[in-house]
Amino acid sequence: MMNESDVEKTVRDIARRALVASRKLAAIPTERKNAALIRIAELLEAPQSQPLLMEANERDLQTAASLGISEAMQDRLRLTPKRIASMAEGARQVAALPDPVGQVLESRTHKKGFLIEKVRVPIGVIGIVYESRPNVTIDCAVLCLKSGNATILRGGREAYHSNMALAKIIHKGLGETGLPSDVVQLIPTVDRFALNVLLKLDDCVHCLIPRGGEGLIRFVSENARMPVIKHYKGVCNVYLDAAAERKMAVQVTVNAKCQRPSVCNAAENLVVHREVLNTIFPDVAKALKDEGIELRVDPASAEVLDAFGAIPHVAATEEDYHTEYVDKIISIKVVEDLEEAIRFVNTYGSGHSDAIITADPEAAARFQTEVDSATVYWNVSTRFTDGFEFGLGAEIGISTDKLHARGPMGLNELTSYKYLIRGHGEVK
């Protein structure tokens, strides 16, 4: 275990080396970056890699169990051959995407005759602070690499061995393709003081992206000296409109809640129009209950559940509607009309992902216009709020901010811009 002085020295050294590496990476051509991404994907899938990754991950899972971490959170931590293959595919997709660096966003000629161009450039050094999910190590590294940014990764203690094993694969891929190893660095300690040091290094680190629980994200946002891109939590809503179709309502709601309850784009609230309370809602409630979901309900929905086969439930509190459960729990609220549904979503949701289920295009249009969230769906599960699903290759995070980036963040969101002016000796 390092003392605080050693931790501070280590983190500062990582940040300085990342800054130097970021300036080198900004000038490296696309084909060399792509070669590194492809090699990382190959190494992830190599027969010799998977046993090492699974062994490291098993050590982390044992630690998580000993710490009393919930089953849902352990699921986020778990690596499987399928998830490793998905990471590799994400790296390949990022390699296949256009390189944003150098793209001309705007161009005009000044009346004096010189050319003004607004051009995409890397942000520089991006710090990623995250919990549990080791796939973040790969997703963030490859996105930052392709967009010309150096990355400093600070994972949680529960995924330490998995993250270290993945970082070794990344460094091997970088080394074999001639890229500086310092463009991706993992802070090699679980000491919490390391995060405190990182948050103060605004002379080297240009942006932080926290991924994890609300407590972590708020701590980073409140203590960082550099800009932070984040979403605090994922309280996502599914609204069953008066014109909802029964089969679709069941299918989409069950998928949004049950397909993977532990993630930030899983539904936490089900909003039900009174006109479908006695028709479609019981089928949806039964389907959720069959999947092992605990129903927390308001009085109107409780009355219906008691009448239709006595479907088990508990009373919802005001706090429940604000809660990101990341577990097999959903809260249910009955509303009188579309206006009340929109008001509920904007009040209790977190601006992340919300869906309306309806055959009425006018209702859908109003919902999508007036709900103030980063992603708003019509007849589609909220589980698609994901960089991979949006064609971004992978994502570095999901932002509910309104400046710079919003929604799943891919390559373009990892760039800034500068103005390049070319002339012939013009003076003012």
Protein backbone atom coordinates (compact mmCIF):
# COMPACT_ATOMS: atom_id res chain seq x y z
CA MET A 1 0.00 0.00 0.00
CA MET A 2 1.41 3.40 -1.00
CA ASN A 3 1.32 6.32 1.42
CA GLU A 4 -0.40 9.57 0.39
CA SER A 5 2.86 11.16 -0.74
CA ASP A 6 3.57 8.23 -3.06
CA VAL A 7 0.00 8.23 -4.36
CA GLU A 8 0.15 11.94 -5.15
CA LYS A 9 3.50 11.56 -6.90
CA THR A 10 2.21 8.62 -8.96
CA VAL A 11 -0.99 10.35 -10.07
CA ARG A 12 0.78 13.61 -10.91
CA ASP A 13 3.37 11.72 -12.95
CA ILE A 14 0.61 9.89 -14.84
CA ALA A 15 -1.10 13.20 -15.61
CA ARG A 16 2.08 14.87 -16.85
CA ARG A 17 2.92 11.93 -19.09
CA ALA A 18 -0.66 11.88 -20.40
CA LEU A 19 -0.39 15.56 -21.34
CA VAL A 20 2.81 14.94 -23.31
CA ALA A 21 1.30 11.87 -24.97
CA SER A 22 -1.88 13.74 -25.90
CA ARG A 23 0.11 16.25 -27.94
CA LYS A 24 1.85 13.44 -29.80
CA LEU A 25 -1.41 11.56 -30.38
CA ALA A 26 -3.12 14.65 -31.83
CA ALA A 27 -0.74 14.47 -34.79
CA ILE A 28 -0.90 10.72 -35.39
CA PRO A 29 -2.76 9.82 -38.61
CA THR A 30 -6.03 7.92 -38.63
CA GLU A 31 -4.65 4.70 -40.08
CA ARG A 32 -2.18 4.29 -37.22
CA LYS A 33 -4.88 4.84 -34.61
CA ASN A 34 -7.12 2.35 -36.39
CA ALA A 35 -4.34 -0.24 -36.48
CA ALA A 36 -4.00 0.02 -32.70
CA LEU A 37 -7.77 -0.38 -32.22
CA ILE A 38 -7.89 -3.47 -34.43
CA ARG A 39 -4.93 -5.00 -32.59
CA ILE A 40 -6.60 -4.37 -29.21
CA ALA A 41 -9.73 -6.14 -30.49
CA GLU A 42 -7.64 -9.09 -31.67
CA LEU A 43 -5.85 -9.35 -28.35
CA LEU A 44 -9.14 -9.29 -26.42
CA GLU A 45 -10.34 -12.30 -28.40
CA ALA A 46 -7.01 -14.14 -28.40
CA PRO A 47 -7.24 -17.63 -26.82
CA GLN A 48 -4.51 -16.78 -24.30
CA SER A 49 -6.27 -13.59 -23.15
CA GLN A 50 -9.69 -14.86 -22.14
CA PRO A 51 -8.56 -17.21 -19.33
CA LEU A 52 -6.46 -14.41 -17.83
CA LEU A 53 -9.36 -11.96 -18.02
CA MET A 54 -11.83 -14.44 -16.52
CA GLU A 55 -9.42 -15.30 -13.69
CA ALA A 56 -8.88 -11.63 -12.84
CA ASN A 57 -12.62 -11.01 -12.99
CA GLU A 58 -13.35 -13.95 -10.69
CA ARG A 59 -11.06 -12.41 -8.07
CA ASP A 60 -13.06 -9.20 -8.31
CA LEU A 61 -16.39 -11.04 -8.08
CA GLN A 62 -15.22 -12.76 -4.91
CA THR A 63 -14.22 -9.40 -3.45
CA ALA A 64 -17.59 -7.91 -4.43
CA ALA A 65 -19.45 -10.75 -2.73
CA SER A 66 -17.37 -10.32 0.44
CA LEU A 67 -18.18 -6.59 0.44
CA GLY A 68 -21.91 -7.32 0.26
CA ILE A 69 -22.34 -5.71 -3.15
CA SER A 70 -25.81 -6.42 -4.56
CA GLU A 71 -26.47 -9.09 -7.19
CA ALA A 72 -27.44 -6.38 -9.67
CA MET A 73 -24.14 -4.57 -9.17
CA GLN A 74 -22.21 -7.85 -9.35
CA ASP A 75 -23.84 -8.39 -12.74
CA ARG A 76 -22.39 -5.09 -13.91
CA LEU A 77 -18.97 -6.28 -12.78
CA ARG A 78 -19.10 -9.73 -14.37
CA LEU A 79 -17.11 -10.48 -17.53
CA THR A 80 -18.34 -13.23 -19.84
CA PRO A 81 -17.06 -14.43 -23.22
CA LYS A 82 -20.02 -12.64 -24.80
CA ARG A 83 -19.20 -9.35 -23.07
CA ILE A 84 -15.52 -9.64 -23.99
CA ALA A 85 -16.54 -10.26 -27.61
CA SER A 86 -18.79 -7.20 -27.42
CA MET A 87 -15.86 -5.07 -26.24
CA ALA A 88 -13.77 -6.31 -29.16
CA GLU A 89 -16.59 -5.58 -31.59
CA GLY A 90 -16.93 -2.10 -30.13
CA ALA A 91 -13.22 -1.47 -30.78
CA ARG A 92 -13.63 -2.62 -34.39
CA GLN A 93 -16.69 -0.42 -34.88
CA VAL A 94 -14.79 2.60 -33.57
CA ALA A 95 -11.95 1.82 -35.98
CA ALA A 96 -14.45 1.76 -38.85
CA LEU A 97 -15.97 5.14 -37.97
CA PRO A 98 -14.79 8.40 -39.57
CA ASP A 99 -12.07 10.15 -37.62
CA PRO A 100 -13.50 13.42 -36.28
CA VAL A 101 -10.09 15.04 -35.85
CA GLY A 102 -9.48 17.58 -38.59
CA GLN A 103 -13.10 17.73 -39.79
CA VAL A 104 -13.99 21.22 -41.02
CA LEU A 105 -17.20 22.29 -39.27
CA GLU A 106 -17.54 25.71 -40.86
CA SER A 107 -15.65 27.66 -43.50
CA ARG A 108 -15.95 31.20 -44.80
CA THR A 109 -13.85 33.82 -46.49
CA HIS A 110 -13.41 37.17 -44.76
CA LYS A 111 -14.10 40.27 -46.82
CA LYS A 112 -10.36 40.99 -46.67
CA GLY A 113 -9.71 37.71 -48.50
CA PHE A 114 -8.38 35.32 -45.85
CA LEU A 115 -10.01 31.95 -45.10
CA ILE A 116 -11.52 31.13 -41.67
CA GLU A 117 -12.11 27.45 -40.85
CA LYS A 118 -13.60 25.93 -37.71
CA VAL A 119 -11.93 22.54 -37.26
CA ARG A 120 -12.46 19.63 -34.85
CA VAL A 121 -9.53 18.95 -32.50
CA PRO A 122 -9.07 16.58 -29.53
CA ILE A 123 -9.97 17.84 -26.06
CA GLY A 124 -6.56 16.70 -24.81
CA VAL A 125 -6.43 14.62 -21.62
CA ILE A 126 -9.66 13.04 -20.40
CA GLY A 127 -10.00 11.44 -16.98
CA ILE A 128 -12.55 8.65 -16.61
CA VAL A 129 -13.70 7.85 -13.08
CA TYR A 130 -15.90 4.78 -12.93
CA GLU A 131 -17.27 1.94 -10.82
CA SER A 132 -17.93 -1.75 -11.37
CA ARG A 133 -18.18 -2.20 -15.13
CA PRO A 134 -14.78 -3.29 -16.53
CA ASN A 135 -16.02 -2.87 -20.11
CA VAL A 136 -15.70 0.88 -19.48
CA THR A 137 -11.92 0.40 -19.51
CA ILE A 138 -12.02 -0.69 -23.15
CA ASP A 139 -14.92 1.49 -24.35
CA CYS A 140 -13.40 4.71 -23.03
CA ALA A 141 -9.85 3.88 -24.05
CA VAL A 142 -10.74 3.14 -27.67
CA LEU A 143 -13.03 6.15 -28.07
CA CYS A 144 -10.45 8.52 -26.61
CA LEU A 145 -7.71 6.98 -28.73
CA LYS A 146 -9.65 7.36 -31.98
CA SER A 147 -10.59 10.96 -31.14
CA GLY A 148 -6.97 11.84 -30.36
CA ASN A 149 -7.27 12.13 -26.58
CA ALA A 150 -5.03 10.67 -23.92
CA THR A 151 -6.96 8.82 -21.21
CA ILE A 152 -6.46 8.47 -17.48
CA LEU A 153 -8.62 5.66 -16.10
CA ARG A 154 -9.57 5.49 -12.44
CA GLY A 155 -11.67 2.38 -11.79
CA GLY A 156 -13.26 1.19 -8.57
CA ARG A 157 -11.67 -1.22 -6.11
CA GLU A 158 -14.31 -3.87 -6.89
CA ALA A 159 -13.03 -4.17 -10.50
CA TYR A 160 -9.32 -3.56 -9.87
CA HIS A 161 -7.95 -6.88 -11.15
CA SER A 162 -10.22 -6.91 -14.20
CA ASN A 163 -9.22 -3.36 -15.10
CA MET A 164 -5.51 -4.09 -14.68
CA ALA A 165 -5.78 -7.13 -16.95
CA LEU A 166 -7.61 -5.11 -19.60
CA ALA A 167 -5.07 -2.27 -19.34
CA LYS A 168 -2.26 -4.75 -20.05
CA ILE A 169 -4.04 -5.80 -23.25
CA ILE A 170 -4.44 -2.16 -24.29
CA HIS A 171 -0.76 -1.41 -23.67
CA LYS A 172 0.28 -4.51 -25.60
CA GLY A 173 -1.85 -3.36 -28.54
CA LEU A 174 -0.39 0.15 -28.39
CA GLY A 175 3.16 -1.14 -28.20
CA GLU A 176 2.75 -3.56 -31.09
CA THR A 177 1.44 -0.78 -33.34
CA GLY A 178 3.97 1.87 -32.35
CA LEU A 179 1.74 4.23 -30.37
CA PRO A 180 2.90 5.83 -27.09
CA SER A 181 1.80 3.69 -24.13
CA ASP A 182 1.06 6.83 -22.11
CA VAL A 183 -1.99 7.65 -24.25
CA VAL A 184 -3.94 5.19 -22.05
CA GLN A 185 -3.03 4.91 -18.36
CA LEU A 186 -4.80 3.21 -15.47
CA ILE A 187 -4.13 4.60 -12.00
CA PRO A 188 -2.58 1.54 -10.29
CA THR A 189 -4.07 1.91 -6.83
CA VAL A 190 -7.49 1.64 -5.17
CA ASP A 191 -6.54 4.30 -2.61
CA ARG A 192 -9.32 6.89 -2.56
CA PHE A 193 -6.76 9.65 -2.14
CA ALA A 194 -5.76 9.07 -5.77
CA LEU A 195 -9.11 10.44 -6.90
CA ASN A 196 -8.69 13.53 -4.70
CA VAL A 197 -5.36 14.20 -6.39
CA LEU A 198 -6.72 13.67 -9.90
CA LEU A 199 -9.56 16.14 -9.32
CA LYS A 200 -7.05 18.96 -8.70
CA LEU A 201 -4.83 18.42 -11.76
CA ASP A 202 -6.49 20.93 -14.06
CA ASP A 203 -3.08 21.95 -15.38
CA CYS A 204 -2.82 18.55 -17.12
CA VAL A 205 -6.34 17.09 -17.27
CA HIS A 206 -8.83 18.95 -19.43
CA CYS A 207 -12.06 17.08 -18.72
CA LEU A 208 -13.45 14.46 -16.34
CA ILE A 209 -16.22 11.96 -17.06
CA PRO A 210 -17.53 10.09 -13.99
CA ARG A 211 -19.48 6.87 -14.52
CA GLY A 212 -21.10 5.12 -11.58
CA GLY A 213 -23.46 5.81 -8.71
CA GLU A 214 -24.94 9.20 -7.92
CA GLY A 215 -22.67 9.60 -4.88
CA LEU A 216 -19.51 9.21 -6.95
CA ILE A 217 -20.73 11.54 -9.68
CA ARG A 218 -21.75 14.27 -7.24
CA PHE A 219 -18.42 13.99 -5.42
CA VAL A 220 -16.51 14.41 -8.68
CA SER A 221 -18.72 17.30 -9.85
CA GLU A 222 -18.42 19.16 -6.56
CA ASN A 223 -14.65 18.75 -6.15
CA ALA A 224 -13.15 18.82 -9.64
CA ARG A 225 -11.29 21.89 -10.87
CA MET A 226 -11.81 20.95 -14.52
CA PRO A 227 -15.08 20.59 -16.51
CA VAL A 228 -17.14 17.48 -15.72
CA ILE A 229 -19.50 15.75 -18.17
CA LYS A 230 -22.01 13.56 -16.40
CA HIS A 231 -25.44 12.28 -15.59
CA TYR A 232 -26.26 11.92 -11.91
CA LYS A 233 -28.68 9.02 -12.20
CA GLY A 234 -30.95 7.21 -14.62
CA VAL A 235 -34.56 7.52 -13.49
CA CYS A 236 -36.14 6.47 -16.78
CA ASN A 237 -39.89 6.37 -17.42
CA VAL A 238 -42.20 4.38 -19.67
CA TYR A 239 -45.61 5.96 -20.29
CA LEU A 240 -48.56 3.84 -21.45
CA ASP A 241 -50.75 6.28 -23.35
CA ALA A 242 -54.50 6.02 -23.88
CA ALA A 243 -53.78 4.79 -27.40
CA ALA A 244 -51.20 2.18 -26.38
CA GLU A 245 -51.39 -1.22 -28.06
CA ARG A 246 -51.54 -4.15 -25.64
CA LYS A 247 -48.85 -6.48 -27.02
CA MET A 248 -46.41 -3.61 -27.60
CA ALA A 249 -47.04 -2.19 -24.12
CA VAL A 250 -46.15 -5.52 -22.50
CA GLN A 251 -43.16 -6.16 -24.74
CA VAL A 252 -41.54 -2.74 -24.46
CA THR A 253 -42.18 -2.26 -20.74
CA VAL A 254 -40.81 -5.69 -19.81
CA ASN A 255 -37.73 -5.13 -21.95
CA ALA A 256 -37.12 -1.63 -20.57
CA LYS A 257 -37.27 -2.89 -16.97
CA CYS A 258 -36.16 -6.52 -17.06
CA GLN A 259 -33.64 -7.03 -19.85
CA ARG A 260 -30.90 -5.72 -17.54
CA PRO A 261 -32.26 -3.96 -14.44
CA SER A 262 -28.84 -2.84 -13.18
CA VAL A 263 -28.08 -0.32 -15.94
CA CYS A 264 -28.83 3.39 -16.12
CA ASN A 265 -31.22 3.13 -19.09
CA ALA A 266 -33.53 0.59 -17.43
CA ALA A 267 -37.03 1.87 -16.63
CA GLU A 268 -37.67 2.79 -12.99
CA ASN A 269 -41.17 4.32 -13.30
CA LEU A 270 -44.21 3.09 -15.22
CA VAL A 271 -46.71 5.86 -15.95
CA VAL A 272 -50.22 4.67 -16.88
CA HIS A 273 -53.03 6.62 -18.53
CA ARG A 274 -56.29 6.01 -16.65
CA GLU A 275 -58.02 4.85 -19.84
CA VAL A 276 -55.79 1.76 -20.04
CA LEU A 277 -55.71 1.11 -16.29
CA ASN A 278 -58.31 -1.68 -16.43
CA THR A 279 -57.40 -3.02 -19.86
CA ILE A 280 -53.70 -3.05 -20.73
CA PHE A 281 -52.13 -2.32 -17.35
CA PRO A 282 -53.02 -5.65 -15.66
CA ASP A 283 -51.29 -7.59 -18.45
CA VAL A 284 -48.20 -5.40 -18.12
CA ALA A 285 -48.19 -5.74 -14.33
CA LYS A 286 -48.53 -9.54 -14.52
CA ALA A 287 -45.71 -9.77 -17.06
CA LEU A 288 -43.45 -7.69 -14.80
CA LYS A 289 -44.35 -9.80 -11.77
CA ASP A 290 -43.62 -12.98 -13.72
CA GLU A 291 -40.10 -11.59 -14.26
CA GLY A 292 -39.64 -11.16 -10.51
CA ILE A 293 -40.18 -7.39 -10.45
CA GLU A 294 -41.44 -5.79 -7.23
CA LEU A 295 -44.31 -3.39 -7.97
CA ARG A 296 -44.50 -0.18 -5.92
CA VAL A 297 -47.85 1.37 -6.70
CA ASP A 298 -50.13 4.34 -6.13
CA PRO A 299 -53.70 3.85 -4.78
CA ALA A 300 -55.36 3.76 -8.23
CA SER A 301 -53.09 1.02 -9.58
CA ALA A 302 -53.25 -0.87 -6.26
CA GLU A 303 -57.02 -1.11 -6.57
CA VAL A 304 -56.75 -2.62 -10.04
CA LEU A 305 -54.05 -5.09 -9.02
CA ASP A 306 -56.20 -6.27 -6.12
CA ALA A 307 -59.13 -6.82 -8.46
CA PHE A 308 -57.21 -8.61 -11.22
CA GLY A 309 -55.92 -11.77 -9.63
CA ALA A 310 -54.50 -10.11 -6.50
CA ILE A 311 -51.10 -9.31 -8.08
CA PRO A 312 -48.68 -8.68 -5.16
CA HIS A 313 -47.53 -5.10 -4.64
CA VAL A 314 -46.43 -2.54 -2.07
CA ALA A 315 -47.36 1.13 -1.69
CA ALA A 316 -45.09 3.64 -3.45
CA THR A 317 -43.73 6.64 -1.59
CA GLU A 318 -42.89 10.05 -2.99
CA GLU A 319 -39.22 9.14 -2.73
CA ASP A 320 -39.73 5.98 -4.81
CA TYR A 321 -40.60 7.99 -7.92
CA HIS A 322 -37.25 9.79 -7.65
CA THR A 323 -35.26 6.59 -7.08
CA GLU A 324 -32.89 4.83 -9.46
CA TYR A 325 -33.30 1.30 -8.19
CA VAL A 326 -30.86 -0.51 -10.53
CA ASP A 327 -32.71 -3.55 -9.24
CA LYS A 328 -35.86 -5.60 -9.86
CA ILE A 329 -38.21 -2.86 -8.64
CA ILE A 330 -40.50 -0.47 -10.52
CA SER A 331 -42.80 2.32 -9.33
CA ILE A 332 -46.21 2.85 -10.92
CA LYS A 333 -48.18 6.09 -11.26
CA VAL A 334 -51.63 6.58 -12.82
CA VAL A 335 -52.28 9.88 -14.64
CA GLU A 336 -55.42 11.45 -16.06
CA ASP A 337 -54.02 12.64 -19.39
CA LEU A 338 -50.96 13.19 -21.55
CA GLU A 339 -50.26 16.58 -19.98
CA GLU A 340 -50.04 15.05 -16.51
CA ALA A 341 -47.81 12.28 -17.85
CA ILE A 342 -45.37 14.80 -19.32
CA ARG A 343 -45.41 16.79 -16.10
CA PHE A 344 -44.68 13.63 -14.09
CA VAL A 345 -41.76 12.62 -16.31
CA ASN A 346 -40.21 16.09 -16.19
CA THR A 347 -40.65 16.23 -12.40
CA TYR A 348 -39.46 12.77 -11.37
CA GLY A 349 -37.24 11.68 -14.27
CA SER A 350 -33.55 12.48 -14.44
CA GLY A 351 -33.47 13.75 -18.03
CA HIS A 352 -31.90 10.49 -19.22
CA SER A 353 -34.27 8.28 -21.28
CA ASP A 354 -38.06 8.22 -21.43
CA ALA A 355 -40.56 6.43 -23.67
CA ILE A 356 -44.19 6.75 -24.74
CA ILE A 357 -46.14 3.72 -25.97
CA THR A 358 -48.94 4.89 -28.25
CA ALA A 359 -50.55 4.53 -31.66
CA ASP A 360 -51.41 8.24 -31.64
CA PRO A 361 -48.76 10.20 -33.59
CA GLU A 362 -49.97 13.53 -32.20
CA ALA A 363 -49.57 12.32 -28.62
CA ALA A 364 -46.15 10.93 -29.47
CA ALA A 365 -45.04 14.18 -31.09
CA ARG A 366 -46.12 16.21 -28.07
CA PHE A 367 -44.41 13.80 -25.64
CA GLN A 368 -41.17 13.84 -27.61
CA THR A 369 -41.22 17.64 -27.88
CA GLU A 370 -42.15 18.49 -24.28
CA VAL A 371 -40.28 15.83 -22.32
CA ASP A 372 -36.95 17.44 -21.45
CA SER A 373 -34.63 14.43 -21.65
CA ALA A 374 -31.51 13.53 -23.59
CA THR A 375 -33.28 10.67 -25.39
CA VAL A 376 -37.06 10.37 -25.87
CA TYR A 377 -38.55 7.24 -27.44
CA TRP A 378 -41.81 6.45 -29.23
CA ASN A 379 -42.71 2.74 -29.11
CA VAL A 380 -39.10 1.74 -28.40
CA SER A 381 -37.47 0.42 -25.22
CA THR A 382 -35.27 2.83 -23.24
CA ARG A 383 -32.60 0.10 -23.23
CA PHE A 384 -31.36 1.39 -26.59
CA THR A 385 -29.78 4.50 -25.03
CA ASP A 386 -26.31 3.24 -25.68
CA GLY A 387 -23.45 4.37 -27.88
CA PHE A 388 -23.09 0.94 -29.48
CA GLU A 389 -26.80 0.85 -30.38
CA PHE A 390 -26.70 4.43 -31.71
CA GLY A 391 -23.93 3.50 -34.13
CA LEU A 392 -21.21 5.28 -32.18
CA GLY A 393 -19.15 2.09 -31.86
CA ALA A 394 -19.14 2.42 -28.10
CA GLU A 395 -19.80 5.25 -25.68
CA ILE A 396 -17.73 7.08 -23.14
CA GLY A 397 -20.81 7.88 -21.12
CA ILE A 398 -24.27 9.39 -21.25
CA SER A 399 -24.66 13.07 -20.55
CA THR A 400 -27.78 14.79 -19.28
CA ASP A 401 -26.01 18.15 -19.46
CA LYS A 402 -27.12 20.61 -22.12
CA LEU A 403 -23.79 22.21 -22.95
CA HIS A 404 -21.16 20.53 -25.14
CA ALA A 405 -22.67 17.00 -25.11
CA ARG A 406 -26.06 15.39 -24.48
CA GLY A 407 -27.11 11.73 -24.61
CA PRO A 408 -24.69 8.91 -25.54
CA MET A 409 -21.25 10.39 -26.10
CA GLY A 410 -19.25 9.10 -29.04
CA LEU A 411 -16.30 10.37 -31.01
CA ASN A 412 -17.65 13.78 -31.98
CA GLU A 413 -18.48 14.59 -28.35
CA LEU A 414 -14.86 13.93 -27.41
CA THR A 415 -13.60 16.79 -29.54
CA SER A 416 -13.49 20.53 -29.23
CA TYR A 417 -12.65 22.89 -32.06
CA LYS A 418 -10.32 25.68 -32.97
CA TYR A 419 -10.20 28.26 -35.75
CA LEU A 420 -7.59 28.06 -38.47
CA ILE A 421 -7.04 31.23 -40.49
CA ARG A 422 -5.12 31.26 -43.78
CA GLY A 423 -4.30 34.43 -45.64
CA HIS A 424 -1.98 36.35 -47.91
CA GLY A 425 -0.55 39.05 -45.63
CA GLU A 426 -3.87 40.74 -44.76
CA VAL A 427 -3.76 43.35 -41.97
CA LYS A 428 -6.48 45.24 -40.08
